[in-house]
């Protein structure tokens, strides 16, 4: 009985420690009504070997989805061959996430590329969900939605910039109509829902550590992002540790 008590005691301490150290359920909400644009950092794809019409024009602006939203109004792009859509990325600089659920409302009057970035370290190391409605001169013309991974330092600074993880062809967005994106990131698995319907599911192991979240555009002029929420997910391994410990306790008690 004493042995069982000791094991139960350590189980309780372990459980409290795991819960205390977990950010599960923490929610970051930003409706941009009282936001500080200085909390967001901009990365434009500006290089002597690339072409663009920039710089980008990220700002807080009224007249979008719901009051004030995060707006980008410049028509810029990076890849001069128009093979891979790159242009500008903006990230929230105050927090980093590893596993999470992100939801955001989006509205644009244009028809080019826009999306979400996550586990962002810099321009050469991150993941992205992007969607295109129109055409690329030498790339895969839209409409499509894609999950992609940046190729990293030494590779991400030249074509093809990104490796495509998953593509959904024939679907994108409707200009002038608000749409809701939901991105779930859990370990090496990424899923996207558009207006409540499953769109993309893919896996990749390149970048595992935490990073910033944000948005990306290419030739996308006049886009609003609004009603952003990011919810932390409890790490699966921590759940397994608690379950395994409890199973051992039960076996000892028998």
Protein backbone atom coordinates (compact mmCIF):
# COMPACT_ATOMS: atom_id res chain seq x y z
CA UNK A 1 0.00 0.00 0.00
CA UNK A 2 2.85 2.36 0.84
CA UNK A 3 4.42 1.66 -2.56
CA UNK A 4 1.16 2.46 -4.32
CA UNK A 5 0.88 5.73 -2.37
CA UNK A 6 4.40 6.77 -3.42
CA UNK A 7 3.67 5.98 -7.07
CA UNK A 8 0.40 7.91 -6.94
CA UNK A 9 2.19 10.87 -5.37
CA UNK A 10 4.77 11.02 -8.17
CA UNK A 11 2.01 10.58 -10.76
CA UNK A 12 0.17 13.61 -9.38
CA UNK A 13 3.36 15.70 -9.34
CA UNK A 14 4.16 14.63 -12.90
CA UNK A 15 0.65 15.44 -14.09
CA UNK A 16 0.69 18.89 -12.47
CA UNK A 17 4.10 19.62 -13.97
CA UNK A 18 2.99 18.63 -17.47
CA UNK A 19 -0.18 20.69 -17.27
CA UNK A 20 1.66 23.68 -15.80
CA UNK A 21 4.31 23.63 -18.52
CA UNK A 22 1.74 23.23 -21.30
CA UNK A 23 0.17 26.15 -23.13
CA UNK A 24 -2.74 23.98 -24.26
CA UNK A 25 -5.91 25.98 -24.74
CA UNK A 26 -4.21 29.37 -24.63
CA UNK A 27 -5.83 31.58 -27.25
CA UNK A 28 -4.31 34.62 -28.95
CA UNK A 29 -7.02 36.82 -30.47
CA UNK A 30 -6.46 39.84 -32.71
CA UNK A 31 -9.31 41.72 -34.37
CA UNK A 32 -6.95 44.61 -35.22
CA UNK A 33 -9.24 47.26 -33.70
CA UNK A 34 -6.64 48.17 -31.07
CA UNK A 35 -3.61 46.50 -32.67
CA UNK A 36 -0.13 47.98 -32.89
CA UNK A 37 1.29 47.66 -36.40
CA UNK A 38 4.74 47.73 -34.78
CA UNK A 39 4.06 44.27 -33.35
CA UNK A 40 4.09 42.95 -36.92
CA UNK A 41 7.34 42.64 -38.90
CA UNK A 42 7.47 42.78 -42.69
CA UNK A 43 9.79 40.71 -44.91
CA UNK A 44 9.78 41.67 -48.59
CA UNK A 45 11.48 39.46 -51.19
CA UNK A 46 13.87 42.16 -52.36
CA UNK A 47 17.01 40.97 -54.14
CA UNK A 48 19.06 42.19 -57.11
CA UNK A 49 18.22 38.98 -58.97
CA UNK A 50 14.48 39.35 -58.42
CA UNK A 51 11.93 41.78 -59.80
CA UNK A 52 9.14 43.52 -57.92
CA UNK A 53 6.97 46.58 -57.72
CA UNK A 54 7.36 47.47 -54.10
CA UNK A 55 7.86 47.98 -51.29
CA UNK A 56 4.88 46.32 -49.66
CA UNK A 57 2.17 48.43 -48.03
CA UNK A 58 1.04 46.64 -44.87
CA UNK A 59 -1.07 48.78 -42.55
CA UNK A 60 -4.18 48.86 -40.36
CA UNK A 61 -7.15 50.05 -42.37
CA UNK A 62 -10.94 50.34 -42.14
CA UNK A 63 -13.40 49.23 -44.78
CA UNK A 64 -12.65 45.53 -45.00
CA UNK A 65 -14.43 42.66 -43.29
CA UNK A 66 -15.30 43.98 -39.84
CA UNK A 67 -14.11 47.46 -38.95
CA UNK A 68 -10.31 47.73 -38.96
CA UNK A 69 -8.24 44.94 -40.49
CA UNK A 70 -4.65 44.18 -41.50
CA UNK A 71 -4.36 45.44 -45.08
CA UNK A 72 -1.80 45.10 -47.89
CA UNK A 73 -2.22 47.42 -50.88
CA UNK A 74 0.93 47.21 -53.03
CA UNK A 75 1.21 45.09 -56.18
CA UNK A 76 4.58 43.40 -55.69
CA UNK A 77 6.16 40.09 -56.55
CA UNK A 78 9.62 38.53 -56.45
CA UNK A 79 10.30 35.82 -58.99
CA UNK A 80 11.02 37.55 -62.36
CA UNK A 81 10.05 34.42 -64.32
CA UNK A 82 6.65 34.36 -62.59
CA UNK A 83 7.12 30.66 -61.88
CA UNK A 84 6.82 30.67 -58.10
CA UNK A 85 4.64 33.29 -56.36
CA UNK A 86 6.70 35.19 -53.80
CA UNK A 87 6.34 38.79 -52.67
CA UNK A 88 5.92 39.83 -49.05
CA UNK A 89 5.45 38.20 -45.65
CA UNK A 90 4.26 39.81 -42.42
CA UNK A 91 4.63 38.00 -39.09
CA UNK A 92 3.40 38.63 -35.56
CA UNK A 93 6.66 39.19 -33.68
CA UNK A 94 5.62 38.83 -30.02
CA UNK A 95 4.83 35.10 -29.80
CA UNK A 96 5.97 31.80 -31.28
CA UNK A 97 3.93 28.65 -31.79
CA UNK A 98 4.67 25.01 -32.59
CA UNK A 99 1.31 23.19 -32.64
CA UNK A 100 -1.85 25.27 -32.91
CA UNK A 101 -5.16 25.97 -34.62
CA UNK A 102 -5.28 29.27 -36.52
CA UNK A 103 -8.42 30.89 -37.88
CA UNK A 104 -8.65 34.10 -39.89
CA UNK A 105 -11.12 35.89 -42.16
CA UNK A 106 -9.81 37.12 -45.53
CA UNK A 107 -11.18 39.48 -48.18
CA UNK A 108 -9.54 40.66 -51.40
CA UNK A 109 -10.50 42.50 -54.57
CA UNK A 110 -7.55 40.99 -56.49
CA UNK A 111 -7.04 37.51 -57.97
CA UNK A 112 -3.44 36.61 -57.20
CA UNK A 113 -1.60 34.73 -54.42
CA UNK A 114 -2.18 35.04 -50.68
CA UNK A 115 -1.88 32.75 -47.67
CA UNK A 116 -0.61 31.90 -44.18
CA UNK A 117 2.96 31.26 -42.97
CA UNK A 118 3.95 29.34 -39.82
CA UNK A 119 7.02 28.08 -37.98
CA UNK A 120 8.61 31.12 -39.58
CA UNK A 121 12.29 31.67 -38.76
CA UNK A 122 13.17 33.85 -41.73
CA UNK A 123 12.43 34.14 -45.46
CA UNK A 124 14.25 30.88 -46.18
CA UNK A 125 12.81 28.74 -43.36
CA UNK A 126 9.05 28.38 -42.91
CA UNK A 127 5.89 26.68 -44.11
CA UNK A 128 3.04 28.26 -46.00
CA UNK A 129 -0.51 27.70 -47.21
CA UNK A 130 -1.12 29.70 -50.39
CA UNK A 131 -3.97 29.99 -52.84
CA UNK A 132 -4.08 31.49 -56.36
CA UNK A 133 -7.06 32.34 -58.53
CA UNK A 134 -5.40 33.69 -61.69
CA UNK A 135 -2.46 32.70 -63.92
CA UNK A 136 1.33 32.52 -63.66
CA UNK A 137 3.41 33.11 -66.80
CA UNK A 138 5.60 30.02 -66.37
CA UNK A 139 4.21 28.40 -63.25
CA UNK A 140 1.13 26.34 -62.48
CA UNK A 141 -1.86 28.55 -63.25
CA UNK A 142 -4.77 28.76 -60.86
CA UNK A 143 -7.14 28.19 -59.39
CA UNK A 144 -5.33 26.09 -56.78
CA UNK A 145 -4.52 25.79 -53.08
CA UNK A 146 -1.16 24.49 -51.82
CA UNK A 147 0.78 23.50 -48.73
CA UNK A 148 4.47 24.29 -49.21
CA UNK A 149 7.80 24.30 -47.37
CA UNK A 150 10.61 26.80 -48.00
CA UNK A 151 13.78 24.97 -48.99
CA UNK A 152 16.12 26.57 -46.47
CA UNK A 153 19.32 28.59 -46.52
CA UNK A 154 21.37 28.04 -49.65
CA UNK A 155 18.37 26.58 -51.46
CA UNK A 156 15.48 28.86 -50.56
CA UNK A 157 17.20 31.88 -52.07
CA UNK A 158 16.83 30.64 -55.64
CA UNK A 159 14.29 28.81 -57.75
CA UNK A 160 12.23 26.84 -56.96
CA UNK A 161 12.23 28.50 -53.48
CA UNK A 162 9.51 26.10 -52.22
CA UNK A 163 8.71 22.41 -52.30
CA UNK A 164 5.01 21.64 -52.68
CA UNK A 165 3.66 19.26 -50.05
CA UNK A 166 0.07 19.04 -51.28
CA UNK A 167 -2.07 20.66 -54.00
CA UNK A 168 -5.81 21.03 -54.43
CA UNK A 169 -6.51 21.98 -58.03
CA UNK A 170 -9.52 23.81 -59.35
CA UNK A 171 -10.36 25.63 -56.10
CA UNK A 172 -9.25 28.98 -54.71
CA UNK A 173 -11.33 31.95 -53.51
CA UNK A 174 -13.86 34.45 -54.87
CA UNK A 175 -12.74 38.05 -55.23
CA UNK A 176 -14.92 40.44 -53.26
CA UNK A 177 -16.33 37.67 -51.02
CA UNK A 178 -15.07 37.11 -47.45
CA UNK A 179 -13.67 33.65 -46.73
CA UNK A 180 -12.58 31.88 -43.55
CA UNK A 181 -9.34 29.90 -43.31
CA UNK A 182 -8.62 27.37 -40.59
CA UNK A 183 -5.12 25.92 -40.32
CA UNK A 184 -4.31 23.10 -37.90
CA UNK A 185 -0.64 22.31 -37.22
CA UNK A 186 0.10 19.22 -35.14
CA UNK A 187 3.66 17.87 -35.26
CA UNK A 188 4.51 17.15 -38.89
CA UNK A 189 0.88 17.20 -40.03
CA UNK A 190 -0.88 20.25 -41.47
CA UNK A 191 -4.53 20.57 -42.47
CA UNK A 192 -6.53 23.43 -43.97
CA UNK A 193 -10.27 24.05 -43.92
CA UNK A 194 -11.90 26.70 -46.10
CA UNK A 195 -15.27 27.99 -44.90
CA UNK A 196 -15.70 24.88 -42.75
CA UNK A 197 -14.79 22.34 -45.46
CA UNK A 198 -11.60 20.26 -45.55
CA UNK A 199 -9.25 21.45 -48.28
CA UNK A 200 -5.68 20.20 -47.75
CA UNK A 201 -3.89 17.63 -45.62
CA UNK A 202 -0.13 17.07 -45.78
CA UNK A 203 2.96 16.14 -43.78
CA UNK A 204 6.56 17.36 -43.67
CA UNK A 205 9.46 16.95 -41.21
CA UNK A 206 11.81 19.77 -42.23
CA UNK A 207 11.01 22.37 -39.54
CA UNK A 208 9.95 21.06 -36.12
CA UNK A 209 10.70 23.89 -33.70
CA UNK A 210 8.43 26.80 -32.83
CA UNK A 211 8.23 29.86 -35.01
CA UNK A 212 6.18 32.91 -35.88
CA UNK A 213 2.83 32.95 -37.68
CA UNK A 214 1.79 35.47 -40.29
CA UNK A 215 0.51 36.12 -43.79
CA UNK A 216 2.01 36.17 -47.28
CA UNK A 217 1.05 37.78 -50.59
CA UNK A 218 2.33 37.90 -54.16
CA UNK A 219 0.88 40.36 -56.71
CA UNK A 220 -2.06 40.59 -54.30
CA UNK A 221 -3.24 44.19 -54.14
CA UNK A 222 -6.06 45.15 -51.80
CA UNK A 223 -6.35 42.28 -49.29
CA UNK A 224 -7.67 42.35 -45.72
CA UNK A 225 -6.90 39.85 -42.93
CA UNK A 226 -9.15 40.08 -39.87
CA UNK A 227 -10.57 38.24 -36.82
CA UNK A 228 -7.40 36.25 -36.19
CA UNK A 229 -7.24 33.62 -33.45
CA UNK A 230 -4.46 31.15 -32.61
CA UNK A 231 -5.14 28.34 -30.10
CA UNK A 232 -2.32 26.22 -28.66
CA UNK A 233 -2.61 22.43 -28.91
CA UNK A 234 -1.40 20.09 -26.14
CA UNK A 235 1.62 18.16 -27.32
CA UNK A 236 0.65 14.56 -28.13
CA UNK A 237 3.76 13.16 -26.47
CA UNK A 238 2.81 14.75 -23.12
CA UNK A 239 -0.62 13.12 -23.26
CA UNK A 240 1.01 9.75 -23.91
CA UNK A 241 3.36 10.20 -20.95
CA UNK A 242 0.43 10.71 -18.57
CA UNK A 243 -1.44 7.73 -20.00
CA UNK A 244 1.60 5.45 -19.78
CA UNK A 245 2.26 6.44 -16.16
CA UNK A 246 -1.32 5.71 -15.13
CA UNK A 247 -1.24 2.31 -16.82
CA UNK A 248 1.86 1.41 -14.82
CA UNK A 249 0.17 2.46 -11.59
CA UNK A 250 -2.79 0.22 -12.32
CA UNK A 251 -0.53 -2.75 -13.05
CA UNK A 252 1.33 -2.30 -9.75
CA UNK A 253 -1.96 -2.10 -7.83
CA UNK A 254 -3.03 -5.45 -9.26
